[in-house]
Amino acid sequence: MKNLFSILSILKLDNKKIYLLMLASLVIIYLDFAFLTNLQLKAIKNLTPKITKLKADIDAISKNMGGMENLKNSQIQARQKLLAKTKKIIPEEEIAWILQYVSELANKNNVKIEQMKPVKEPQAKQEKAPKAVPIESKLSPLLIILDISCDYHDLGSFINSLENAQAFFAVQNARIASEQDNYLKQKVNLTLRTYVKK
């Protein structure tokens, strides 16, 4: 402050002018501060509802994104379940795989296979398809004749496993007879129908 007075005295201003100059400077500083602060406070007050609305919007978007992610996951799971339920038609070259697969299902269900024989079923004459409808691949019926030995419940589990298998199987014929040595076991002649791609 002494420096300011010394500078002003050098300029040869009298005390009244010095005080008036200081008072004017203080008023200008106060008005500047008051107006700027007031404007900034008003701007902050105006931004507060906008910020609150933006936070609510962000929360809603986050919630919706979570819902979309859950929906996407459920669609992926539904597609996988559908693909799992879709039956495969095996190529004709993989008949050995079909027989091995039936054998594995039998083992899982405590069914003893005594004989297994694949038989290609003769096809009936097919009507000519219209030229506008293309036939992607021709299917050939295949019968699998099984002579098996098992108890009644294991037979039911085996047939259920075949119906829920990856490949298409249908029970075409079944003959059940009791074994003479063991009345709990059944001798079953089972004919399965499936289809193979030519």
Protein backbone atom coordinates (compact mmCIF):
# COMPACT_ATOMS: atom_id res chain seq x y z
CA MET A 1 0.00 0.00 0.00
CA LYS A 2 2.90 2.35 0.80
CA ASN A 3 4.29 1.62 -2.64
CA LEU A 4 1.00 2.64 -4.22
CA PHE A 5 0.95 5.90 -2.25
CA SER A 6 4.56 6.59 -3.16
CA ILE A 7 3.79 5.99 -6.84
CA LEU A 8 0.76 8.23 -6.65
CA SER A 9 2.68 10.95 -4.78
CA ILE A 10 5.27 10.86 -7.49
CA LEU A 11 2.47 11.55 -9.92
CA LYS A 12 1.70 14.52 -7.67
CA LEU A 13 -1.90 13.68 -6.97
CA ASP A 14 -3.49 15.01 -3.85
CA ASN A 15 -5.02 12.79 -1.17
CA LYS A 16 -8.62 13.32 -2.28
CA LYS A 17 -7.88 12.21 -5.80
CA ILE A 18 -5.98 9.20 -4.49
CA TYR A 19 -8.86 8.12 -2.28
CA LEU A 20 -11.34 8.74 -5.07
CA LEU A 21 -9.24 6.67 -7.47
CA MET A 22 -8.96 3.83 -4.94
CA LEU A 23 -12.68 3.95 -4.21
CA ALA A 24 -13.51 3.84 -7.93
CA SER A 25 -11.14 0.88 -8.39
CA LEU A 26 -12.75 -0.98 -5.49
CA VAL A 27 -16.25 -0.29 -6.83
CA ILE A 28 -15.25 -1.52 -10.29
CA ILE A 29 -13.69 -4.67 -8.80
CA TYR A 30 -16.74 -5.28 -6.58
CA LEU A 31 -19.23 -4.76 -9.45
CA ASP A 32 -17.19 -6.94 -11.75
CA PHE A 33 -16.98 -9.69 -9.12
CA ALA A 34 -20.67 -9.36 -8.18
CA PHE A 35 -21.93 -9.51 -11.76
CA LEU A 36 -19.60 -12.29 -12.87
CA THR A 37 -20.30 -14.32 -9.75
CA ASN A 38 -24.03 -13.74 -10.13
CA LEU A 39 -23.93 -14.80 -13.78
CA GLN A 40 -21.87 -17.88 -12.94
CA LEU A 41 -24.27 -18.84 -10.13
CA LYS A 42 -27.23 -18.46 -12.49
CA ALA A 43 -25.47 -20.58 -15.10
CA ILE A 44 -24.78 -23.26 -12.48
CA LYS A 45 -28.42 -23.17 -11.34
CA ASN A 46 -29.54 -23.56 -14.96
CA LEU A 47 -27.12 -26.46 -15.52
CA THR A 48 -28.13 -28.39 -12.39
CA PRO A 49 -31.48 -29.66 -13.81
CA LYS A 50 -29.79 -30.47 -17.11
CA ILE A 51 -27.07 -32.43 -15.32
CA THR A 52 -29.72 -34.28 -13.28
CA LYS A 53 -31.66 -35.09 -16.48
CA LEU A 54 -28.48 -36.26 -18.22
CA LYS A 55 -27.63 -38.52 -15.26
CA ALA A 56 -31.13 -40.00 -15.37
CA ASP A 57 -30.81 -40.52 -19.14
CA ILE A 58 -27.40 -42.19 -18.71
CA ASP A 59 -28.84 -44.48 -16.02
CA ALA A 60 -31.78 -45.36 -18.27
CA ILE A 61 -29.45 -46.07 -21.21
CA SER A 62 -27.23 -48.24 -18.99
CA LYS A 63 -30.28 -50.17 -17.80
CA ASN A 64 -31.53 -50.59 -21.39
CA MET A 65 -28.07 -51.71 -22.53
CA GLY A 66 -28.11 -54.35 -19.79
CA GLY A 67 -31.56 -55.44 -20.96
CA MET A 68 -30.36 -55.58 -24.56
CA GLU A 69 -27.35 -57.66 -23.50
CA ASN A 70 -29.65 -60.06 -21.62
CA LEU A 71 -31.95 -60.26 -24.66
CA LYS A 72 -28.98 -60.94 -26.94
CA ASN A 73 -27.73 -63.70 -24.61
CA SER A 74 -31.20 -65.26 -24.41
CA GLN A 75 -31.46 -65.20 -28.22
CA ILE A 76 -28.06 -66.91 -28.51
CA GLN A 77 -29.14 -69.56 -25.99
CA ALA A 78 -32.46 -70.07 -27.81
CA ARG A 79 -30.61 -70.47 -31.12
CA GLN A 80 -28.23 -73.00 -29.53
CA LYS A 81 -31.18 -74.95 -28.08
CA LEU A 82 -32.90 -74.92 -31.48
CA LEU A 83 -29.73 -76.15 -33.16
CA ALA A 84 -29.39 -78.84 -30.51
CA LYS A 85 -32.98 -79.97 -31.18
CA THR A 86 -32.53 -79.92 -34.95
CA LYS A 87 -31.99 -83.42 -36.20
CA LYS A 88 -29.03 -84.14 -38.43
CA ILE A 89 -29.32 -86.10 -41.63
CA ILE A 90 -26.09 -88.03 -41.93
CA PRO A 91 -24.32 -88.56 -45.28
CA GLU A 92 -24.47 -92.07 -46.71
CA GLU A 93 -20.71 -92.46 -46.25
CA GLU A 94 -21.13 -92.18 -42.47
CA ILE A 95 -23.39 -95.19 -41.88
CA ALA A 96 -20.64 -96.65 -39.67
CA TRP A 97 -20.88 -93.55 -37.46
CA ILE A 98 -24.67 -94.07 -37.13
CA LEU A 99 -24.15 -97.68 -36.04
CA GLN A 100 -21.47 -96.67 -33.55
CA TYR A 101 -23.71 -93.91 -32.19
CA VAL A 102 -26.60 -96.37 -31.67
CA SER A 103 -24.16 -98.74 -29.94
CA GLU A 104 -22.97 -95.95 -27.60
CA LEU A 105 -26.57 -95.05 -26.71
CA ALA A 106 -27.28 -98.72 -25.99
CA ASN A 107 -24.26 -98.97 -23.68
CA LYS A 108 -25.31 -95.83 -21.79
CA ASN A 109 -28.75 -97.33 -21.18
CA ASN A 110 -27.58 -100.85 -20.13
CA VAL A 111 -28.87 -102.40 -23.34
CA LYS A 112 -26.92 -105.38 -24.69
CA ILE A 113 -26.81 -105.50 -28.49
CA GLU A 114 -26.63 -109.06 -29.73
CA GLN A 115 -26.90 -108.21 -33.42
CA MET A 116 -27.11 -104.99 -35.45
CA LYS A 117 -27.72 -104.91 -39.18
CA PRO A 118 -28.21 -101.86 -41.45
CA VAL A 119 -30.57 -102.42 -44.39
CA LYS A 120 -31.19 -99.93 -47.17
CA GLU A 121 -34.90 -99.76 -47.76
CA PRO A 122 -36.00 -99.77 -51.40
CA GLN A 123 -37.57 -96.46 -52.33
CA ALA A 124 -41.02 -96.21 -53.82
CA LYS A 125 -41.32 -94.35 -57.11
CA GLN A 126 -41.35 -90.65 -56.44
CA GLU A 127 -43.52 -88.25 -58.36
CA LYS A 128 -41.65 -85.74 -60.43
CA ALA A 129 -41.24 -82.48 -58.57
CA PRO A 130 -42.14 -79.27 -60.40
CA LYS A 131 -39.16 -77.67 -62.11
CA ALA A 132 -39.58 -74.49 -60.06
CA VAL A 133 -38.90 -76.40 -56.80
CA PRO A 134 -35.24 -77.47 -56.62
CA ILE A 135 -34.39 -80.58 -54.61
CA GLU A 136 -31.19 -79.87 -52.68
CA SER A 137 -30.36 -83.44 -51.77
CA LYS A 138 -32.09 -86.76 -52.03
CA LEU A 139 -32.67 -88.75 -48.86
CA SER A 140 -32.46 -92.49 -48.74
CA PRO A 141 -34.25 -94.45 -45.98
CA LEU A 142 -32.07 -96.73 -43.87
CA LEU A 143 -33.36 -99.41 -41.51
CA ILE A 144 -31.28 -100.57 -38.57
CA ILE A 145 -32.42 -103.96 -37.28
CA LEU A 146 -31.35 -104.64 -33.69
CA ASP A 147 -31.58 -107.79 -31.59
CA ILE A 148 -31.12 -106.58 -28.03
CA SER A 149 -31.44 -107.85 -24.49
CA CYS A 150 -32.42 -105.58 -21.60
CA ASP A 151 -35.00 -105.00 -18.91
CA TYR A 152 -38.16 -103.10 -19.68
CA HIS A 153 -37.10 -99.76 -18.11
CA ASP A 154 -33.73 -99.76 -19.87
CA LEU A 155 -35.55 -100.36 -23.16
CA GLY A 156 -37.70 -97.29 -22.52
CA SER A 157 -34.59 -95.20 -21.69
CA PHE A 158 -32.86 -96.45 -24.84
CA ILE A 159 -35.81 -95.56 -27.09
CA ASN A 160 -36.05 -92.14 -25.39
CA SER A 161 -32.31 -91.56 -26.02
CA LEU A 162 -32.80 -92.46 -29.67
CA GLU A 163 -35.67 -90.00 -30.02
CA ASN A 164 -33.59 -87.22 -28.42
CA ALA A 165 -30.44 -88.08 -30.39
CA GLN A 166 -28.57 -85.75 -32.73
CA ALA A 167 -29.47 -87.87 -35.74
CA PHE A 168 -33.04 -88.67 -36.75
CA PHE A 169 -34.28 -92.06 -35.53
CA ALA A 170 -37.81 -93.46 -35.47
CA VAL A 171 -38.87 -96.81 -34.06
CA GLN A 172 -40.62 -98.56 -36.94
CA ASN A 173 -41.20 -101.96 -35.37
CA ALA A 174 -40.61 -103.60 -31.99
CA ARG A 175 -41.20 -107.20 -30.90
CA ILE A 176 -40.69 -107.93 -27.21
CA ALA A 177 -40.46 -111.39 -25.66
CA SER A 178 -39.36 -112.53 -22.19
CA GLU A 179 -36.10 -114.42 -21.90
CA GLN A 180 -36.53 -118.00 -20.76
CA ASP A 181 -33.56 -117.94 -18.37
CA ASN A 182 -34.25 -114.55 -16.75
CA TYR A 183 -37.83 -113.30 -16.51
CA LEU A 184 -36.62 -109.74 -15.70
CA LYS A 185 -34.83 -109.44 -19.04
CA GLN A 186 -36.54 -108.99 -22.38
CA LYS A 187 -35.41 -110.08 -25.83
CA VAL A 188 -36.30 -107.29 -28.22
CA ASN A 189 -36.22 -107.16 -31.99
CA LEU A 190 -36.17 -103.44 -32.76
CA THR A 191 -36.30 -101.85 -36.20
CA LEU A 192 -35.17 -98.24 -36.40
CA ARG A 193 -35.73 -95.99 -39.40
CA THR A 194 -33.39 -93.14 -40.25
CA TYR A 195 -32.45 -91.29 -43.42
CA VAL A 196 -29.11 -90.67 -45.06
CA LYS A 197 -28.08 -88.14 -47.69
CA LYS A 198 -27.11 -89.56 -51.08
